[in-house]
Amino acid sequence: MDYKKSKAPVNTVTRNIMDLCKDTDNIYESVAIIAKRANQISVQIKEDLSKKLAEFASYNDSLEEVFENREQIEISRYYEKLPKPSLLATQEFVENKVYWRDPQRDNLNQDL
């Protein structure tokens, strides 16, 4: 997924609590959903970054001077400029792009 194309803000934004809890009817449940999605995004970004930086890894055990690689620096800057995973997850939640379900509610609906 290309997170640079996301509409998530780069800086912290004040949000209306009522907008966040309108789907779940519980702000704590909404925050838990956003937190789990943020963890997923964080892991995915870290894996992407690790794969890209692994291409430039040198396996010399000597204490020689470390050479700067311009491409490696550009990749690092790209990932530094991305919005934080929590902001990305919040934006996805507000736009209803996060799939979530509550098994307890599903069981209650089946019993009725």
PDB file of N, CA and C in Angstrom:
ATOM      1  N   MET A   1       0.839  -1.176   0.000  1.00  0.00           N
ATOM      2  CA  MET A   1       0.000   0.000   0.000  1.00  0.00           C
ATOM      3  C   MET A   1       0.884   1.239   0.000  1.00  0.00           C
ATOM      4  N   ASP A   2       0.523   2.222  -0.785  1.00  0.00           N
ATOM      5  CA  ASP A   2       1.285   3.454  -0.854  1.00  0.00           C
ATOM      6  C   ASP A   2       0.707   4.453   0.139  1.00  0.00           C
ATOM      7  N   TYR A   3       1.388   4.610   1.258  1.00  0.00           N
ATOM      8  CA  TYR A   3       0.886   5.471   2.322  1.00  0.00           C
ATOM      9  C   TYR A   3       1.078   6.943   2.008  1.00  0.00           C
ATOM     10  N   LYS A   4       1.930   7.248   1.035  1.00  0.00           N
ATOM     11  CA  LYS A   4       2.147   8.649   0.672  1.00  0.00           C
ATOM     12  C   LYS A   4       0.895   9.235   0.019  1.00  0.00           C
ATOM     13  N   LYS A   5       0.092   8.397  -0.630  1.00  0.00           N
ATOM     14  CA  LYS A   5      -1.127   8.860  -1.293  1.00  0.00           C
ATOM     15  C   LYS A   5      -2.308   8.997  -0.335  1.00  0.00           C
ATOM     16  N   SER A   6      -2.094   8.654   0.917  1.00  0.00           N
ATOM     17  CA  SER A   6      -3.151   8.760   1.913  1.00  0.00           C
ATOM     18  C   SER A   6      -3.468  10.217   2.194  1.00  0.00           C
ATOM     19  N   LYS A   7      -4.699  10.475   2.567  1.00  0.00           N
ATOM     20  CA  LYS A   7      -5.126  11.826   2.902  1.00  0.00           C
ATOM     21  C   LYS A   7      -4.901  12.150   4.374  1.00  0.00           C
ATOM     22  N   ALA A   8      -4.197  11.284   5.052  1.00  0.00           N
ATOM     23  CA  ALA A   8      -3.943  11.486   6.482  1.00  0.00           C
ATOM     24  C   ALA A   8      -3.016  12.681   6.679  1.00  0.00           C
ATOM     25  N   PRO A   9      -3.287  13.484   7.694  1.00  0.00           N
ATOM     26  CA  PRO A   9      -2.426  14.639   7.962  1.00  0.00           C
ATOM     27  C   PRO A   9      -1.075  14.197   8.520  1.00  0.00           C
ATOM     28  N   VAL A  10      -0.062  15.000   8.286  1.00  0.00           N
ATOM     29  CA  VAL A  10       1.272  14.687   8.789  1.00  0.00           C
ATOM     30  C   VAL A  10       1.396  15.105  10.250  1.00  0.00           C
ATOM     31  N   ASN A  11       0.646  16.116  10.648  1.00  0.00           N
ATOM     32  CA  ASN A  11       0.668  16.600  12.025  1.00  0.00           C
ATOM     33  C   ASN A  11      -0.591  16.154  12.757  1.00  0.00           C
ATOM     34  N   THR A  12      -0.566  16.277  14.052  1.00  0.00           N
ATOM     35  CA  THR A  12      -1.709  15.899  14.879  1.00  0.00           C
ATOM     36  C   THR A  12      -2.884  16.827  14.608  1.00  0.00           C
ATOM     37  N   VAL A  13      -4.072  16.240  14.533  1.00  0.00           N
ATOM     38  CA  VAL A  13      -5.291  16.998  14.270  1.00  0.00           C
ATOM     39  C   VAL A  13      -6.276  16.739  15.403  1.00  0.00           C
ATOM     40  N   THR A  14      -6.940  17.789  15.854  1.00  0.00           N
ATOM     41  CA  THR A  14      -7.971  17.627  16.872  1.00  0.00           C
ATOM     42  C   THR A  14      -9.217  17.055  16.205  1.00  0.00           C
ATOM     43  N   ARG A  15      -9.754  16.010  16.780  1.00  0.00           N
ATOM     44  CA  ARG A  15     -10.932  15.359  16.196  1.00  0.00           C
ATOM     45  C   ARG A  15     -12.086  15.396  17.184  1.00  0.00           C
ATOM     46  N   ASN A  16     -13.286  15.371  16.645  1.00  0.00           N
ATOM     47  CA  ASN A  16     -14.489  15.325  17.458  1.00  0.00           C
ATOM     48  C   ASN A  16     -14.686  13.886  17.945  1.00  0.00           C
ATOM     49  N   ILE A  17     -14.787  13.709  19.221  1.00  0.00           N
ATOM     50  CA  ILE A  17     -14.936  12.370  19.804  1.00  0.00           C
ATOM     51  C   ILE A  17     -16.221  11.703  19.302  1.00  0.00           C
ATOM     52  N   MET A  18     -17.244  12.467  19.134  1.00  0.00           N
ATOM     53  CA  MET A  18     -18.530  11.899  18.701  1.00  0.00           C
ATOM     54  C   MET A  18     -18.437  11.328  17.288  1.00  0.00           C
ATOM     55  N   ASP A  19     -17.588  11.917  16.438  1.00  0.00           N
ATOM     56  CA  ASP A  19     -17.402  11.375  15.096  1.00  0.00           C
ATOM     57  C   ASP A  19     -16.684  10.035  15.132  1.00  0.00           C
ATOM     58  N   LEU A  20     -15.755   9.883  16.084  1.00  0.00           N
ATOM     59  CA  LEU A  20     -15.011   8.633  16.189  1.00  0.00           C
ATOM     60  C   LEU A  20     -15.847   7.491  16.756  1.00  0.00           C
ATOM     61  N   CYS A  21     -16.819   7.810  17.606  1.00  0.00           N
ATOM     62  CA  CYS A  21     -17.574   6.736  18.246  1.00  0.00           C
ATOM     63  C   CYS A  21     -18.952   6.517  17.626  1.00  0.00           C
ATOM     64  N   LYS A  22     -19.251   7.143  16.490  1.00  0.00           N
ATOM     65  CA  LYS A  22     -20.587   6.978  15.923  1.00  0.00           C
ATOM     66  C   LYS A  22     -20.824   5.564  15.369  1.00  0.00           C
ATOM     67  N   ASP A  23     -19.782   4.891  14.889  1.00  0.00           N
ATOM     68  CA  ASP A  23     -19.951   3.533  14.354  1.00  0.00           C
ATOM     69  C   ASP A  23     -19.998   2.477  15.451  1.00  0.00           C
ATOM     70  N   THR A  24     -19.235   2.693  16.512  1.00  0.00           N
ATOM     71  CA  THR A  24     -19.135   1.681  17.564  1.00  0.00           C
ATOM     72  C   THR A  24     -19.984   1.990  18.787  1.00  0.00           C
ATOM     73  N   ASP A  25     -20.416   3.215  18.928  1.00  0.00           N
ATOM     74  CA  ASP A  25     -21.161   3.681  20.107  1.00  0.00           C
ATOM     75  C   ASP A  25     -20.325   3.633  21.379  1.00  0.00           C
ATOM     76  N   ASN A  26     -19.022   3.529  21.226  1.00  0.00           N
ATOM     77  CA  ASN A  26     -18.134   3.457  22.383  1.00  0.00           C
ATOM     78  C   ASN A  26     -16.767   3.995  21.971  1.00  0.00           C
ATOM     79  N   ILE A  27     -16.336   5.084  22.579  1.00  0.00           N
ATOM     80  CA  ILE A  27     -15.053   5.704  22.201  1.00  0.00           C
ATOM     81  C   ILE A  27     -13.885   4.782  22.496  1.00  0.00           C
ATOM     82  N   TYR A  28     -13.965   3.996  23.560  1.00  0.00           N
ATOM     83  CA  TYR A  28     -12.861   3.104  23.923  1.00  0.00           C
ATOM     84  C   TYR A  28     -12.713   1.982  22.896  1.00  0.00           C
ATOM     85  N   GLU A  29     -13.829   1.497  22.402  1.00  0.00           N
ATOM     86  CA  GLU A  29     -13.778   0.474  21.366  1.00  0.00           C
ATOM     87  C   GLU A  29     -13.192   1.048  20.076  1.00  0.00           C
ATOM     88  N   SER A  30     -13.573   2.263  19.755  1.00  0.00           N
ATOM     89  CA  SER A  30     -13.031   2.923  18.562  1.00  0.00           C
ATOM     90  C   SER A  30     -11.521   3.102  18.676  1.00  0.00           C
ATOM     91  N   VAL A  31     -11.067   3.541  19.833  1.00  0.00           N
ATOM     92  CA  VAL A  31      -9.634   3.737  20.045  1.00  0.00           C
ATOM     93  C   VAL A  31      -8.898   2.404  19.969  1.00  0.00           C
ATOM     94  N   ALA A  32      -9.485   1.348  20.479  1.00  0.00           N
ATOM     95  CA  ALA A  32      -8.854   0.025  20.417  1.00  0.00           C
ATOM     96  C   ALA A  32      -8.730  -0.447  18.964  1.00  0.00           C
ATOM     97  N   ILE A  33      -9.753  -0.208  18.171  1.00  0.00           N
ATOM     98  CA  ILE A  33      -9.726  -0.584  16.753  1.00  0.00           C
ATOM     99  C   ILE A  33      -8.642   0.204  16.031  1.00  0.00           C
ATOM    100  N   ILE A  34      -8.577   1.500  16.293  1.00  0.00           N
ATOM    101  CA  ILE A  34      -7.568   2.352  15.652  1.00  0.00           C
ATOM    102  C   ILE A  34      -6.167   1.920  16.076  1.00  0.00           C
ATOM    103  N   ALA A  35      -5.996   1.574  17.342  1.00  0.00           N
ATOM    104  CA  ALA A  35      -4.682   1.151  17.837  1.00  0.00           C
ATOM    105  C   ALA A  35      -4.231  -0.151  17.183  1.00  0.00           C
ATOM    106  N   LYS A  36      -5.148  -1.099  17.028  1.00  0.00           N
ATOM    107  CA  LYS A  36      -4.785  -2.368  16.387  1.00  0.00           C
ATOM    108  C   LYS A  36      -4.411  -2.150  14.927  1.00  0.00           C
ATOM    109  N   ARG A  37      -5.155  -1.281  14.244  1.00  0.00           N
ATOM    110  CA  ARG A  37      -4.845  -0.980  12.842  1.00  0.00           C
ATOM    111  C   ARG A  37      -3.510  -0.240  12.741  1.00  0.00           C
ATOM    112  N   ALA A  38      -3.229   0.658  13.680  1.00  0.00           N
ATOM    113  CA  ALA A  38      -1.958   1.379  13.678  1.00  0.00           C
ATOM    114  C   ALA A  38      -0.786   0.411  13.853  1.00  0.00           C
ATOM    115  N   ASN A  39      -0.953  -0.597  14.694  1.00  0.00           N
ATOM    116  CA  ASN A  39       0.093  -1.614  14.862  1.00  0.00           C
ATOM    117  C   ASN A  39       0.321  -2.378  13.565  1.00  0.00           C
ATOM    118  N   GLN A  40      -0.765  -2.730  12.866  1.00  0.00           N
ATOM    119  CA  GLN A  40      -0.647  -3.423  11.584  1.00  0.00           C
ATOM    120  C   GLN A  40       0.103  -2.565  10.563  1.00  0.00           C
ATOM    121  N   ILE A  41      -0.248  -1.290  10.496  1.00  0.00           N
ATOM    122  CA  ILE A  41       0.393  -0.382   9.554  1.00  0.00           C
ATOM    123  C   ILE A  41       1.869  -0.220   9.899  1.00  0.00           C
ATOM    124  N   SER A  42       2.170  -0.092  11.181  1.00  0.00           N
ATOM    125  CA  SER A  42       3.550   0.067  11.630  1.00  0.00           C
ATOM    126  C   SER A  42       4.410  -1.131  11.225  1.00  0.00           C
ATOM    127  N   VAL A  43       3.886  -2.315  11.424  1.00  0.00           N
ATOM    128  CA  VAL A  43       4.622  -3.532  11.054  1.00  0.00           C
ATOM    129  C   VAL A  43       4.837  -3.584   9.544  1.00  0.00           C
ATOM    130  N   GLN A  44       3.827  -3.227   8.790  1.00  0.00           N
ATOM    131  CA  GLN A  44       3.933  -3.257   7.336  1.00  0.00           C
ATOM    132  C   GLN A  44       4.957  -2.233   6.834  1.00  0.00           C
ATOM    133  N   ILE A  45       4.942  -1.036   7.384  1.00  0.00           N
ATOM    134  CA  ILE A  45       5.912  -0.020   6.986  1.00  0.00           C
ATOM    135  C   ILE A  45       7.331  -0.457   7.343  1.00  0.00           C
ATOM    136  N   LYS A  46       7.482  -1.035   8.526  1.00  0.00           N
ATOM    137  CA  LYS A  46       8.802  -1.483   8.957  1.00  0.00           C
ATOM    138  C   LYS A  46       9.335  -2.592   8.050  1.00  0.00           C
ATOM    139  N   GLU A  47       8.465  -3.507   7.636  1.00  0.00           N
ATOM    140  CA  GLU A  47       8.880  -4.573   6.726  1.00  0.00           C
ATOM    141  C   GLU A  47       9.291  -4.008   5.371  1.00  0.00           C
ATOM    142  N   ASP A  48       8.518  -3.052   4.863  1.00  0.00           N
ATOM    143  CA  ASP A  48       8.850  -2.426   3.586  1.00  0.00           C
ATOM    144  C   ASP A  48      10.200  -1.722   3.655  1.00  0.00           C
ATOM    145  N   LEU A  49      10.411  -0.971   4.724  1.00  0.00           N
ATOM    146  CA  LEU A  49      11.668  -0.257   4.890  1.00  0.00           C
ATOM    147  C   LEU A  49      12.831  -1.225   5.021  1.00  0.00           C
ATOM    148  N   SER A  50      12.649  -2.281   5.775  1.00  0.00           N
ATOM    149  CA  SER A  50      13.720  -3.273   5.954  1.00  0.00           C
ATOM    150  C   SER A  50      14.089  -3.937   4.636  1.00  0.00           C
ATOM    151  N   LYS A  51      13.092  -4.253   3.812  1.00  0.00           N
ATOM    152  CA  LYS A  51      13.360  -4.869   2.503  1.00  0.00           C
ATOM    153  C   LYS A  51      14.150  -3.924   1.615  1.00  0.00           C
ATOM    154  N   LYS A  52      13.770  -2.648   1.617  1.00  0.00           N
ATOM    155  CA  LYS A  52      14.457  -1.689   0.752  1.00  0.00           C
ATOM    156  C   LYS A  52      15.877  -1.414   1.232  1.00  0.00           C
ATOM    157  N   LEU A  53      16.066  -1.338   2.549  1.00  0.00           N
ATOM    158  CA  LEU A  53      17.403  -1.063   3.074  1.00  0.00           C
ATOM    159  C   LEU A  53      18.309  -2.287   3.023  1.00  0.00           C
ATOM    160  N   ALA A  54      17.730  -3.482   2.972  1.00  0.00           N
ATOM    161  CA  ALA A  54      18.535  -4.708   2.900  1.00  0.00           C
ATOM    162  C   ALA A  54      19.317  -4.771   1.590  1.00  0.00           C
ATOM    163  N   GLU A  55      18.826  -4.122   0.565  1.00  0.00           N
ATOM    164  CA  GLU A  55      19.526  -4.108  -0.717  1.00  0.00           C
ATOM    165  C   GLU A  55      20.878  -3.393  -0.607  1.00  0.00           C
ATOM    166  N   PHE A  56      20.987  -2.456   0.338  1.00  0.00           N
ATOM    167  CA  PHE A  56      22.197  -1.664   0.471  1.00  0.00           C
ATOM    168  C   PHE A  56      23.105  -2.133   1.595  1.00  0.00           C
ATOM    169  N   ALA A  57      22.742  -3.215   2.245  1.00  0.00           N
ATOM    170  CA  ALA A  57      23.516  -3.685   3.394  1.00  0.00           C
ATOM    171  C   ALA A  57      24.881  -4.197   2.944  1.00  0.00           C
ATOM    172  N   SER A  58      25.893  -3.837   3.699  1.00  0.00           N
ATOM    173  CA  SER A  58      27.234  -4.363   3.447  1.00  0.00           C
ATOM    174  C   SER A  58      27.600  -5.244   4.640  1.00  0.00           C
ATOM    175  N   TYR A  59      28.221  -6.349   4.353  1.00  0.00           N
ATOM    176  CA  TYR A  59      28.499  -7.331   5.391  1.00  0.00           C
ATOM    177  C   TYR A  59      29.988  -7.366   5.735  1.00  0.00           C
ATOM    178  N   ASN A  60      30.623  -6.218   5.745  1.00  0.00           N
ATOM    179  CA  ASN A  60      32.037  -6.141   6.139  1.00  0.00           C
ATOM    180  C   ASN A  60      32.129  -6.008   7.651  1.00  0.00           C
ATOM    181  N   ASP A  61      32.988  -6.812   8.240  1.00  0.00           N
ATOM    182  CA  ASP A  61      33.161  -6.773   9.691  1.00  0.00           C
ATOM    183  C   ASP A  61      34.293  -5.840  10.111  1.00  0.00           C
ATOM    184  N   SER A  62      34.876  -5.160   9.158  1.00  0.00           N
ATOM    185  CA  SER A  62      36.002  -4.289   9.505  1.00  0.00           C
ATOM    186  C   SER A  62      35.499  -2.965  10.076  1.00  0.00           C
ATOM    187  N   LEU A  63      36.385  -2.242  10.688  1.00  0.00           N
ATOM    188  CA  LEU A  63      36.036  -0.962  11.297  1.00  0.00           C
ATOM    189  C   LEU A  63      36.311   0.194  10.332  1.00  0.00           C
ATOM    190  N   GLU A  64      36.183  -0.071   9.061  1.00  0.00           N
ATOM    191  CA  GLU A  64      36.423   0.967   8.064  1.00  0.00           C
ATOM    192  C   GLU A  64      35.323   2.012   8.128  1.00  0.00           C
ATOM    193  N   GLU A  65      35.619   3.122   7.506  1.00  0.00           N
ATOM    194  CA  GLU A  65      34.656   4.217   7.471  1.00  0.00           C
ATOM    195  C   GLU A  65      33.402   3.781   6.717  1.00  0.00           C
ATOM    196  N   VAL A  66      32.255   4.162   7.239  1.00  0.00           N
ATOM    197  CA  VAL A  66      30.983   3.803   6.611  1.00  0.00           C
ATOM    198  C   VAL A  66      30.741   4.761   5.446  1.00  0.00           C
ATOM    199  N   PHE A  67      30.470   4.184   4.305  1.00  0.00           N
ATOM    200  CA  PHE A  67      30.209   5.007   3.128  1.00  0.00           C
ATOM    201  C   PHE A  67      28.737   5.375   3.078  1.00  0.00           C
ATOM    202  N   GLU A  68      28.466   6.624   2.779  1.00  0.00           N
ATOM    203  CA  GLU A  68      27.076   7.064   2.666  1.00  0.00           C
ATOM    204  C   GLU A  68      26.548   6.689   1.291  1.00  0.00           C
ATOM    205  N   ASN A  69      25.380   6.168   1.290  1.00  0.00           N
ATOM    206  CA  ASN A  69      24.730   5.810   0.041  1.00  0.00           C
ATOM    207  C   ASN A  69      23.570   6.769  -0.171  1.00  0.00           C
ATOM    208  N   ARG A  70      23.607   7.526  -1.229  1.00  0.00           N
ATOM    209  CA  ARG A  70      22.613   8.553  -1.503  1.00  0.00           C
ATOM    210  C   ARG A  70      21.208   7.945  -1.619  1.00  0.00           C
ATOM    211  N   GLU A  71      21.075   6.800  -2.254  1.00  0.00           N
ATOM    212  CA  GLU A  71      19.769   6.153  -2.408  1.00  0.00           C
ATOM    213  C   GLU A  71      19.208   5.722  -1.058  1.00  0.00           C
ATOM    214  N   GLN A  72      20.073   5.233  -0.207  1.00  0.00           N
ATOM    215  CA  GLN A  72      19.650   4.812   1.127  1.00  0.00           C
ATOM    216  C   GLN A  72      19.164   6.013   1.934  1.00  0.00           C
ATOM    217  N   ILE A  73      19.813   7.129   1.798  1.00  0.00           N
ATOM    218  CA  ILE A  73      19.402   8.346   2.498  1.00  0.00           C
ATOM    219  C   ILE A  73      18.047   8.810   1.987  1.00  0.00           C
ATOM    220  N   GLU A  74      17.825   8.750   0.690  1.00  0.00           N
ATOM    221  CA  GLU A  74      16.552   9.173   0.110  1.00  0.00           C
ATOM    222  C   GLU A  74      15.404   8.281   0.575  1.00  0.00           C
ATOM    223  N   ILE A  75      15.653   6.991   0.664  1.00  0.00           N
ATOM    224  CA  ILE A  75      14.628   6.060   1.151  1.00  0.00           C
ATOM    225  C   ILE A  75      14.282   6.378   2.600  1.00  0.00           C
ATOM    226  N   SER A  76      15.293   6.638   3.413  1.00  0.00           N
ATOM    227  CA  SER A  76      15.056   6.973   4.820  1.00  0.00           C
ATOM    228  C   SER A  76      14.261   8.270   4.947  1.00  0.00           C
ATOM    229  N   ARG A  77      14.575   9.247   4.141  1.00  0.00           N
ATOM    230  CA  ARG A  77      13.845  10.516   4.183  1.00  0.00           C
ATOM    231  C   ARG A  77      12.388  10.328   3.772  1.00  0.00           C
ATOM    232  N   TYR A  78      12.161   9.477   2.780  1.00  0.00           N
ATOM    233  CA  TYR A  78      10.795   9.207   2.335  1.00  0.00           C
ATOM    234  C   TYR A  78       9.962   8.658   3.495  1.00  0.00           C
ATOM    235  N   TYR A  79      10.519   7.699   4.217  1.00  0.00           N
ATOM    236  CA  TYR A  79       9.775   7.090   5.324  1.00  0.00           C
ATOM    237  C   TYR A  79       9.650   8.027   6.524  1.00  0.00           C
ATOM    238  N   GLU A  80      10.584   8.934   6.693  1.00  0.00           N
ATOM    239  CA  GLU A  80      10.480   9.906   7.782  1.00  0.00           C
ATOM    240  C   GLU A  80       9.360  10.903   7.537  1.00  0.00           C
ATOM    241  N   LYS A  81       9.081  11.196   6.274  1.00  0.00           N
ATOM    242  CA  LYS A  81       8.054  12.187   5.925  1.00  0.00           C
ATOM    243  C   LYS A  81       6.643  11.610   5.927  1.00  0.00           C
ATOM    244  N   LEU A  82       6.532  10.306   6.017  1.00  0.00           N
ATOM    245  CA  LEU A  82       5.207   9.683   6.042  1.00  0.00           C
ATOM    246  C   LEU A  82       4.462  10.058   7.317  1.00  0.00           C
ATOM    247  N   PRO A  83       3.123  10.104   7.253  1.00  0.00           N
ATOM    248  CA  PRO A  83       2.354  10.309   8.488  1.00  0.00           C
ATOM    249  C   PRO A  83       2.571   9.132   9.436  1.00  0.00           C
ATOM    250  N   LYS A  84       2.424   9.383  10.712  1.00  0.00           N
ATOM    251  CA  LYS A  84       2.579   8.328  11.714  1.00  0.00           C
ATOM    252  C   LYS A  84       1.486   7.275  11.538  1.00  0.00           C
ATOM    253  N   PRO A  85       1.775   6.022  11.902  1.00  0.00           N
ATOM    254  CA  PRO A  85       0.774   4.962  11.756  1.00  0.00           C
ATOM    255  C   PRO A  85      -0.542   5.251  12.475  1.00  0.00           C
ATOM    256  N   SER A  86      -0.484   5.919  13.617  1.00  0.00           N
ATOM    257  CA  SER A  86      -1.720   6.233  14.338  1.00  0.00           C
ATOM    258  C   SER A  86      -2.577   7.226  13.550  1.00  0.00           C
ATOM    259  N   LEU A  87      -1.942   8.178  12.873  1.00  0.00           N
ATOM    260  CA  LEU A  87      -2.694   9.133  12.057  1.00  0.00           C
ATOM    261  C   LEU A  87      -3.278   8.449  10.819  1.00  0.00           C
ATOM    262  N   LEU A  88      -2.515   7.548  10.220  1.00  0.00           N
ATOM    263  CA  LEU A  88      -3.026   6.795   9.074  1.00  0.00           C
ATOM    264  C   LEU A  88      -4.222   5.934   9.479  1.00  0.00           C
ATOM    265  N   ALA A  89      -4.107   5.256  10.619  1.00  0.00           N
ATOM    266  CA  ALA A  89      -5.186   4.390  11.090  1.00  0.00           C
ATOM    267  C   ALA A  89      -6.432   5.201  11.434  1.00  0.00           C
ATOM    268  N   THR A  90      -6.253   6.349  12.053  1.00  0.00           N
ATOM    269  CA  THR A  90      -7.400   7.198  12.397  1.00  0.00           C
ATOM    270  C   THR A  90      -8.104   7.672  11.137  1.00  0.00           C
ATOM    271  N   GLN A  91      -7.330   8.066  10.140  1.00  0.00           N
ATOM    272  CA  GLN A  91      -7.930   8.525   8.880  1.00  0.00           C
ATOM    273  C   GLN A  91      -8.696   7.389   8.203  1.00  0.00           C
ATOM    274  N   GLU A  92      -8.136   6.193   8.196  1.00  0.00           N
ATOM    275  CA  GLU A  92      -8.832   5.042   7.625  1.00  0.00           C
ATOM    276  C   GLU A  92     -10.126   4.753   8.383  1.00  0.00           C
ATOM    277  N   PHE A  93     -10.087   4.870   9.694  1.00  0.00           N
ATOM    278  CA  PHE A  93     -11.276   4.610  10.506  1.00  0.00           C
ATOM    279  C   PHE A  93     -12.360   5.639  10.215  1.00  0.00           C
ATOM    280  N   VAL A  94     -11.977   6.900  10.109  1.00  0.00           N
ATOM    281  CA  VAL A  94     -12.950   7.968   9.829  1.00  0.00           C
ATOM    282  C   VAL A  94     -13.569   7.780   8.447  1.00  0.00           C
ATOM    283  N   GLU A  95     -12.778   7.310   7.488  1.00  0.00           N
ATOM    284  CA  GLU A  95     -13.266   7.094   6.119  1.00  0.00           C
ATOM    285  C   GLU A  95     -13.934   5.730   5.950  1.00  0.00           C
ATOM    286  N   ASN A  96     -14.121   4.978   7.023  1.00  0.00           N
ATOM    287  CA  ASN A  96     -14.743   3.647   7.003  1.00  0.00           C
ATOM    288  C   ASN A  96     -13.997   2.668   6.097  1.00  0.00           C
ATOM    289  N   LYS A  97     -12.676   2.739   6.103  1.00  0.00           N
ATOM    290  CA  LYS A  97     -11.862   1.826   5.308  1.00  0.00           C
ATOM    291  C   LYS A  97     -11.305   0.682   6.154  1.00  0.00           C
ATOM    292  N   VAL A  98     -11.664   0.653   7.440  1.00  0.00           N
ATOM    293  CA  VAL A  98     -11.185  -0.386   8.346  1.00  0.00           C
ATOM    294  C   VAL A  98     -12.321  -1.373   8.579  1.00  0.00           C
ATOM    295  N   TYR A  99     -12.044  -2.649   8.311  1.00  0.00           N
ATOM    296  CA  TYR A  99     -13.034  -3.680   8.600  1.00  0.00           C
ATOM    297  C   TYR A  99     -12.823  -4.151  10.030  1.00  0.00           C
ATOM    298  N   TRP A 100     -13.879  -4.155  10.801  1.00  0.00           N
ATOM    299  CA  TRP A 100     -13.838  -4.636  12.172  1.00  0.00           C
ATOM    300  C   TRP A 100     -15.173  -5.279  12.491  1.00  0.00           C
ATOM    301  N   ARG A 101     -15.134  -6.162  13.456  1.00  0.00           N
ATOM    302  CA  ARG A 101     -16.382  -6.780  13.904  1.00  0.00           C
ATOM    303  C   ARG A 101     -16.235  -7.152  15.360  1.00  0.00           C
ATOM    304  N   ASP A 102     -17.368  -7.283  16.021  1.00  0.00           N
ATOM    305  CA  ASP A 102     -17.392  -7.651  17.427  1.00  0.00           C
ATOM    306  C   ASP A 102     -18.081  -9.008  17.527  1.00  0.00           C
ATOM    307  N   PRO A 103     -17.357 -10.080  17.829  1.00  0.00           N
ATOM    308  CA  PRO A 103     -17.960 -11.409  17.894  1.00  0.00           C
ATOM    309  C   PRO A 103     -19.094 -11.510  18.920  1.00  0.00           C
ATOM    310  N   GLN A 104     -19.002 -10.756  20.012  1.00  0.00           N
ATOM    311  CA  GLN A 104     -20.065 -10.797  21.016  1.00  0.00           C
ATOM    312  C   GLN A 104     -21.354 -10.220  20.450  1.00  0.00           C
ATOM    313  N   ARG A 105     -21.262  -9.143  19.718  1.00  0.00           N
ATOM    314  CA  ARG A 105     -22.459  -8.562  19.094  1.00  0.00           C
ATOM    315  C   ARG A 105     -23.017  -9.481  18.021  1.00  0.00           C
ATOM    316  N   ASP A 106     -22.124 -10.153  17.281  1.00  0.00           N
ATOM    317  CA  ASP A 106     -22.589 -11.092  16.260  1.00  0.00           C
ATOM    318  C   ASP A 106     -23.374 -12.236  16.882  1.00  0.00           C
ATOM    319  N   ASN A 107     -22.889 -12.735  18.027  1.00  0.00           N
ATOM    320  CA  ASN A 107     -23.601 -13.819  18.723  1.00  0.00           C
ATOM    321  C   ASN A 107     -24.951 -13.354  19.244  1.00  0.00           C
ATOM    322  N   LEU A 108     -25.026 -12.133  19.754  1.00  0.00           N
ATOM    323  CA  LEU A 108     -26.282 -11.600  20.252  1.00  0.00           C
ATOM    324  C   LEU A 108     -27.297 -11.441  19.126  1.00  0.00           C
ATOM    325  N   ASN A 109     -26.841 -10.999  17.980  1.00  0.00           N
ATOM    326  CA  ASN A 109     -27.744 -10.820  16.832  1.00  0.00           C
ATOM    327  C   ASN A 109     -28.244 -12.167  16.301  1.00  0.00           C
ATOM    328  N   GLN A 110     -27.426 -13.208  16.375  1.00  0.00           N
ATOM    329  CA  GLN A 110     -27.848 -14.519  15.913  1.00  0.00           C
ATOM    330  C   GLN A 110     -28.877 -15.141  16.876  1.00  0.00           C
ATOM    331  N   ASP A 111     -28.721 -14.849  18.167  1.00  0.00           N
ATOM    332  CA  ASP A 111     -29.638 -15.412  19.149  1.00  0.00           C
ATOM    333  C   ASP A 111     -31.035 -14.800  19.049  1.00  0.00           C
ATOM    334  N   LEU A 112     -31.118 -13.579  18.585  1.00  0.00           N
ATOM    335  CA  LEU A 112     -32.424 -12.918  18.484  1.00  0.00           C
ATOM    336  C   LEU A 112     -33.122 -13.445  17.295  1.00  0.00           C
TER     337      LEU A 112
END
